[in-house]
Amino acid sequence: MARYRHLFFVCNNRRGDDSPKGCCTQKKSAAVLDRMKGWVHSQGLRGKVRVVESGCLNFCARGVTVAVFSGGEASEVWYTGVSPEDCEALLKSHVGEERPYLARLEEI
């Protein structure tokens, strides 16, 4: 089995509509997941970069959360408040330039 250079976990958790935290599903996490997967495929990075759906990552109040695990110096990076419109810039920065996308970087 090949090891991925970057593994993106996109929270797609669903909470009840009455939850004060809200949930990533209500904040368009499915669209984020689809856009990220589409970009990876369009760039020919299958087998090197993997984007998968995850359960709750516990930051729903901050918007769609994406946790990234990579090799190298920045081995664990978390992004919050990710929108579908952020996906291309986030991936270009994190994957293409090997640096975190600062607009949505979360210090945990």
C-alpha atoms as a PDB file:
ATOM      1  CA  MET A   1       0.000   0.000   0.000  1.00  0.00           C
ATOM      2  CA  ALA A   2       1.337   3.415  -0.955  1.00  0.00           C
ATOM      3  CA  ARG A   3       1.837   6.050   1.687  1.00  0.00           C
ATOM      4  CA  TYR A   4       0.221   9.391   0.901  1.00  0.00           C
ATOM      5  CA  ARG A   5       2.239  12.581   0.973  1.00  0.00           C
ATOM      6  CA  HIS A   6      -0.782  14.443   2.391  1.00  0.00           C
ATOM      7  CA  LEU A   7      -3.910  13.054   4.014  1.00  0.00           C
ATOM      8  CA  PHE A   8      -6.812  15.522   4.399  1.00  0.00           C
ATOM      9  CA  PHE A   9      -9.671  14.720   6.790  1.00  0.00           C
ATOM     10  CA  VAL A  10     -12.758  16.864   6.151  1.00  0.00           C
ATOM     11  CA  CYS A  11     -15.280  16.919   8.994  1.00  0.00           C
ATOM     12  CA  ASN A  12     -18.694  15.939   7.682  1.00  0.00           C
ATOM     13  CA  ASN A  13     -20.371  15.501  11.067  1.00  0.00           C
ATOM     14  CA  ARG A  14     -24.104  16.096  11.413  1.00  0.00           C
ATOM     15  CA  ARG A  15     -25.562  17.456  14.657  1.00  0.00           C
ATOM     16  CA  GLY A  16     -29.195  18.206  15.418  1.00  0.00           C
ATOM     17  CA  ASP A  17     -30.562  21.473  14.057  1.00  0.00           C
ATOM     18  CA  ASP A  18     -30.913  22.753  17.631  1.00  0.00           C
ATOM     19  CA  SER A  19     -27.214  22.346  18.481  1.00  0.00           C
ATOM     20  CA  PRO A  20     -25.652  25.656  19.597  1.00  0.00           C
ATOM     21  CA  LYS A  21     -22.338  24.641  17.987  1.00  0.00           C
ATOM     22  CA  GLY A  22     -23.901  23.921  14.637  1.00  0.00           C
ATOM     23  CA  CYS A  23     -22.164  21.339  12.518  1.00  0.00           C
ATOM     24  CA  CYS A  24     -19.858  21.132   9.563  1.00  0.00           C
ATOM     25  CA  THR A  25     -22.547  19.540   7.404  1.00  0.00           C
ATOM     26  CA  GLN A  26     -24.723  22.634   7.829  1.00  0.00           C
ATOM     27  CA  LYS A  27     -21.718  24.760   6.832  1.00  0.00           C
ATOM     28  CA  LYS A  28     -21.176  23.071   3.430  1.00  0.00           C
ATOM     29  CA  SER A  29     -18.639  20.415   4.357  1.00  0.00           C
ATOM     30  CA  ALA A  30     -19.910  18.125   1.575  1.00  0.00           C
ATOM     31  CA  ALA A  31     -19.079  20.828  -0.977  1.00  0.00           C
ATOM     32  CA  VAL A  32     -15.625  21.289   0.581  1.00  0.00           C
ATOM     33  CA  LEU A  33     -15.024  17.544   0.372  1.00  0.00           C
ATOM     34  CA  ASP A  34     -16.152  17.400  -3.275  1.00  0.00           C
ATOM     35  CA  ARG A  35     -14.056  20.404  -4.314  1.00  0.00           C
ATOM     36  CA  MET A  36     -10.942  19.058  -2.625  1.00  0.00           C
ATOM     37  CA  LYS A  37     -11.351  15.635  -4.188  1.00  0.00           C
ATOM     38  CA  GLY A  38     -11.985  17.217  -7.589  1.00  0.00           C
ATOM     39  CA  TRP A  39      -8.835  19.315  -7.360  1.00  0.00           C
ATOM     40  CA  VAL A  40      -6.683  16.336  -6.358  1.00  0.00           C
ATOM     41  CA  HIS A  41      -8.017  14.329  -9.318  1.00  0.00           C
ATOM     42  CA  SER A  42      -7.623  17.246 -11.766  1.00  0.00           C
ATOM     43  CA  GLN A  43      -3.979  17.682 -10.739  1.00  0.00           C
ATOM     44  CA  GLY A  44      -3.170  14.004 -11.225  1.00  0.00           C
ATOM     45  CA  LEU A  45      -2.329  13.547  -7.534  1.00  0.00           C
ATOM     46  CA  ARG A  46      -4.282  10.376  -6.841  1.00  0.00           C
ATOM     47  CA  GLY A  47      -2.074   8.046  -4.844  1.00  0.00           C
ATOM     48  CA  LYS A  48      -0.079  10.985  -3.456  1.00  0.00           C
ATOM     49  CA  VAL A  49      -2.789  13.099  -1.843  1.00  0.00           C
ATOM     50  CA  ARG A  50      -5.893  11.659  -0.215  1.00  0.00           C
ATOM     51  CA  VAL A  51      -9.027  13.554   0.828  1.00  0.00           C
ATOM     52  CA  VAL A  52     -11.468  11.665   3.037  1.00  0.00           C
ATOM     53  CA  GLU A  53     -14.591  12.378   5.018  1.00  0.00           C
ATOM     54  CA  SER A  54     -14.268  12.231   8.788  1.00  0.00           C
ATOM     55  CA  GLY A  55     -16.524  12.316  11.774  1.00  0.00           C
ATOM     56  CA  CYS A  56     -16.502  15.167  14.254  1.00  0.00           C
ATOM     57  CA  LEU A  57     -13.179  16.942  14.772  1.00  0.00           C
ATOM     58  CA  ASN A  58     -14.630  19.064  17.645  1.00  0.00           C
ATOM     59  CA  PHE A  59     -14.357  22.524  16.072  1.00  0.00           C
ATOM     60  CA  CYS A  60     -17.819  22.791  14.523  1.00  0.00           C
ATOM     61  CA  ALA A  61     -18.436  26.211  16.087  1.00  0.00           C
ATOM     62  CA  ARG A  62     -15.555  27.564  13.964  1.00  0.00           C
ATOM     63  CA  GLY A  63     -16.895  26.255  10.659  1.00  0.00           C
ATOM     64  CA  VAL A  64     -15.861  23.382   8.429  1.00  0.00           C
ATOM     65  CA  THR A  65     -12.733  21.793   9.880  1.00  0.00           C
ATOM     66  CA  VAL A  66      -9.993  20.073   7.881  1.00  0.00           C
ATOM     67  CA  ALA A  67      -7.135  18.206   9.576  1.00  0.00           C
ATOM     68  CA  VAL A  68      -4.097  17.448   7.428  1.00  0.00           C
ATOM     69  CA  PHE A  69      -1.384  14.922   8.158  1.00  0.00           C
ATOM     70  CA  SER A  70       1.747  15.107   6.032  1.00  0.00           C
ATOM     71  CA  GLY A  71       5.333  14.086   6.056  1.00  0.00           C
ATOM     72  CA  GLY A  72       8.008  16.652   6.763  1.00  0.00           C
ATOM     73  CA  GLU A  73       8.201  19.609   9.105  1.00  0.00           C
ATOM     74  CA  ALA A  74       4.501  20.541   9.215  1.00  0.00           C
ATOM     75  CA  SER A  75       3.276  17.018   9.876  1.00  0.00           C
ATOM     76  CA  GLU A  76      -0.079  18.051  11.403  1.00  0.00           C
ATOM     77  CA  VAL A  77      -2.022  21.143  10.340  1.00  0.00           C
ATOM     78  CA  TRP A  78      -5.621  22.077  11.153  1.00  0.00           C
ATOM     79  CA  TYR A  79      -7.822  24.486   9.204  1.00  0.00           C
ATOM     80  CA  THR A  80     -11.168  25.867  10.390  1.00  0.00           C
ATOM     81  CA  GLY A  81     -13.847  27.922   8.706  1.00  0.00           C
ATOM     82  CA  VAL A  82     -13.021  26.365   5.338  1.00  0.00           C
ATOM     83  CA  SER A  83     -15.478  27.230   2.580  1.00  0.00           C
ATOM     84  CA  PRO A  84     -15.804  25.651  -0.858  1.00  0.00           C
ATOM     85  CA  GLU A  85     -14.282  28.850  -2.259  1.00  0.00           C
ATOM     86  CA  ASP A  86     -11.128  28.324  -0.137  1.00  0.00           C
ATOM     87  CA  CYS A  87     -10.368  24.850  -1.429  1.00  0.00           C
ATOM     88  CA  GLU A  88      -8.239  25.589  -4.481  1.00  0.00           C
ATOM     89  CA  ALA A  89      -6.066  28.195  -2.723  1.00  0.00           C
ATOM     90  CA  LEU A  90      -5.712  25.970   0.348  1.00  0.00           C
ATOM     91  CA  LEU A  91      -4.631  22.973  -1.706  1.00  0.00           C
ATOM     92  CA  LYS A  92      -2.304  24.971  -3.955  1.00  0.00           C
ATOM     93  CA  SER A  93      -0.571  26.370  -0.875  1.00  0.00           C
ATOM     94  CA  HIS A  94      -0.487  23.219   1.247  1.00  0.00           C
ATOM     95  CA  VAL A  95       0.180  20.668  -1.485  1.00  0.00           C
ATOM     96  CA  GLY A  96       1.703  22.668  -4.330  1.00  0.00           C
ATOM     97  CA  GLU A  97       3.900  25.017  -2.306  1.00  0.00           C
ATOM     98  CA  GLU A  98       4.331  22.765   0.755  1.00  0.00           C
ATOM     99  CA  ARG A  99       3.301  25.540   3.156  1.00  0.00           C
ATOM    100  CA  PRO A 100       0.159  26.015   5.238  1.00  0.00           C
ATOM    101  CA  TYR A 101      -2.644  28.144   3.868  1.00  0.00           C
ATOM    102  CA  LEU A 102      -2.553  30.944   6.410  1.00  0.00           C
ATOM    103  CA  ALA A 103      -6.037  32.340   5.729  1.00  0.00           C
ATOM    104  CA  ARG A 104      -7.670  29.348   7.438  1.00  0.00           C
ATOM    105  CA  LEU A 105      -4.877  28.004   9.648  1.00  0.00           C
ATOM    106  CA  GLU A 106      -5.983  27.138  13.177  1.00  0.00           C
ATOM    107  CA  GLU A 107      -3.579  27.051  16.080  1.00  0.00           C
ATOM    108  CA  ILE A 108      -4.685  24.232  18.335  1.00  0.00           C
END
